[in-house]
Protein backbone atom coordinates (compact mmCIF):
# COMPACT_ATOMS: atom_id res chain seq x y z
CA MET A 1 -0.08 -0.30 -0.06
CA THR A 2 2.61 2.08 0.39
CA LEU A 3 4.40 2.04 -2.91
CA VAL A 4 1.12 2.88 -4.92
CA LEU A 5 0.68 6.11 -1.96
CA THR A 6 4.43 7.42 -2.66
CA LEU A 7 3.49 6.61 -6.97
CA VAL A 8 0.14 8.49 -6.66
CA GLY A 9 1.87 11.02 -4.46
CA LEU A 10 4.54 11.60 -7.07
CA SER A 11 1.59 11.76 -9.72
CA VAL A 12 0.17 14.30 -8.29
CA VAL A 13 3.78 16.09 -7.71
CA LEU A 14 5.12 15.85 -10.56
CA THR A 15 1.86 17.45 -12.83
CA PHE A 16 1.43 19.88 -10.48
CA VAL A 17 5.43 20.85 -11.80
CA SER A 18 4.35 20.33 -15.01
CA ALA A 19 1.71 23.21 -15.16
CA VAL A 20 3.51 25.42 -13.10
CA LEU A 21 5.96 25.15 -16.45
CA LEU A 22 3.36 24.90 -18.38
CA ALA A 23 1.86 27.86 -17.68
CA SER A 24 5.54 29.67 -17.35
CA VAL A 25 5.83 29.05 -20.95
CA LEU A 26 2.75 30.20 -22.62
CA ARG A 27 2.51 33.61 -20.35
CA ASP A 28 5.41 34.77 -21.50
CA GLU A 29 5.37 35.03 -24.86
CA PRO A 30 8.21 36.16 -27.09
CA PRO A 31 6.74 39.65 -28.50
CA GLU A 32 6.55 39.12 -32.50
CA ARG A 33 9.53 40.54 -34.71
CA SER A 34 8.62 41.21 -38.27
CA ASN A 35 11.60 39.81 -40.80
CA PRO A 36 11.85 42.50 -43.16
CA ARG A 37 13.05 39.61 -45.85
CA ILE A 38 9.72 37.74 -45.69
CA GLN A 39 7.27 40.37 -46.01
CA PRO A 40 6.82 40.64 -49.53
CA ASP A 41 6.50 44.64 -51.53
CA ALA A 42 2.96 45.11 -51.92
CA GLY A 43 3.66 45.32 -56.13
CA ARG A 44 5.29 42.44 -56.46
CA PRO A 45 3.88 39.13 -55.86
CA ALA A 46 6.41 36.36 -53.11
CA PHE A 47 5.85 32.76 -52.59
CA PHE A 48 7.45 32.06 -49.18
CA GLY A 49 9.53 35.06 -49.97
CA TYR A 50 10.95 34.72 -52.91
CA ASP A 51 10.03 36.12 -55.85
CA VAL A 52 7.88 34.68 -58.96
CA PRO A 53 9.14 34.62 -61.60
CA ARG A 54 6.76 35.85 -64.19
CA ARG A 55 6.31 34.59 -67.25
CA ARG A 56 6.39 37.81 -70.97
CA GLY A 57 2.90 37.29 -71.97
CA ASN A 58 0.23 36.09 -70.91
CA THR A 59 -0.09 31.77 -71.61
CA ALA A 60 -3.45 31.68 -70.30
CA SER A 61 -4.77 33.80 -73.33
CA THR A 62 -2.53 31.52 -76.34
CA VAL A 63 -4.23 28.20 -75.37
CA PRO A 64 -8.27 27.80 -75.69
CA VAL A 65 -9.41 26.29 -72.36
CA GLU A 66 -10.97 23.72 -74.53
CA VAL A 67 -7.34 22.45 -76.35
CA LEU A 68 -6.70 22.12 -72.01
CA LEU A 69 -9.88 20.36 -70.99
CA LEU A 70 -9.90 17.54 -74.07
CA GLN A 71 -6.19 16.95 -73.20
CA LEU A 72 -7.16 16.80 -69.85
CA GLU A 73 -9.29 14.09 -70.49
CA ARG A 74 -7.50 12.11 -73.58
CA HIS A 75 -5.05 11.66 -70.16
CA VAL A 76 -7.71 10.13 -67.23
CA ARG A 77 -9.09 8.22 -69.73
CA LEU A 78 -5.94 6.81 -71.06
CA GLU A 79 -4.67 6.20 -67.53
CA HIS A 80 -8.50 4.25 -66.91
CA ALA A 81 -7.39 1.84 -69.94
CA ALA A 82 -3.83 1.58 -68.14
CA ALA A 83 -5.47 1.09 -64.75
CA GLU A 84 -7.96 -1.64 -65.78
CA SER A 85 -5.36 -3.24 -68.05
CA PHE A 86 -3.21 -3.45 -65.45
CA HIS A 87 -6.06 -5.23 -62.62
CA LEU A 88 -7.04 -7.84 -65.55
CA SER A 89 -3.14 -9.46 -65.19
CA PRO A 90 -1.08 -7.72 -62.70
CA THR A 91 2.53 -8.22 -63.37
CA ALA A 92 5.25 -5.70 -62.16
CA ALA A 93 6.35 -5.54 -66.81
CA ALA A 94 2.01 -3.98 -66.04
CA LEU A 95 2.91 -1.81 -63.82
CA HIS A 96 6.00 -0.07 -64.99
CA MET A 97 5.32 -0.07 -68.64
CA PRO A 98 5.83 3.71 -70.06
CA THR A 99 1.83 5.62 -70.45
CA ALA A 100 0.85 7.04 -73.78
CA SER A 101 -0.20 10.44 -71.98
CA PRO A 102 0.81 13.21 -73.61
CA LEU A 103 0.96 14.80 -70.64
CA ILE A 104 3.81 12.27 -68.47
CA HIS A 105 7.31 12.95 -69.42
């Protein structure tokens, strides 16, 4: 019985010490500092503090959306057919076969 009471007493004391330490860490938060390297300029877009490279010209207007959607649908159909053929005969060679989709390099 003495061993059980000793363990319970130690658990209560350690829980109290942990709570006090946690409260002191959370209470003493350092003031937020602004890092000038990370803050982007208002006029220039940035990604994680680095400048985003811009392409010349508007690439969105050069290719119609319908063409991109057709290529994407063809790619999805080819991948679906490849998955079905793999399920029909699952082999290591069939798993590593190159796809016929032009979207995969």
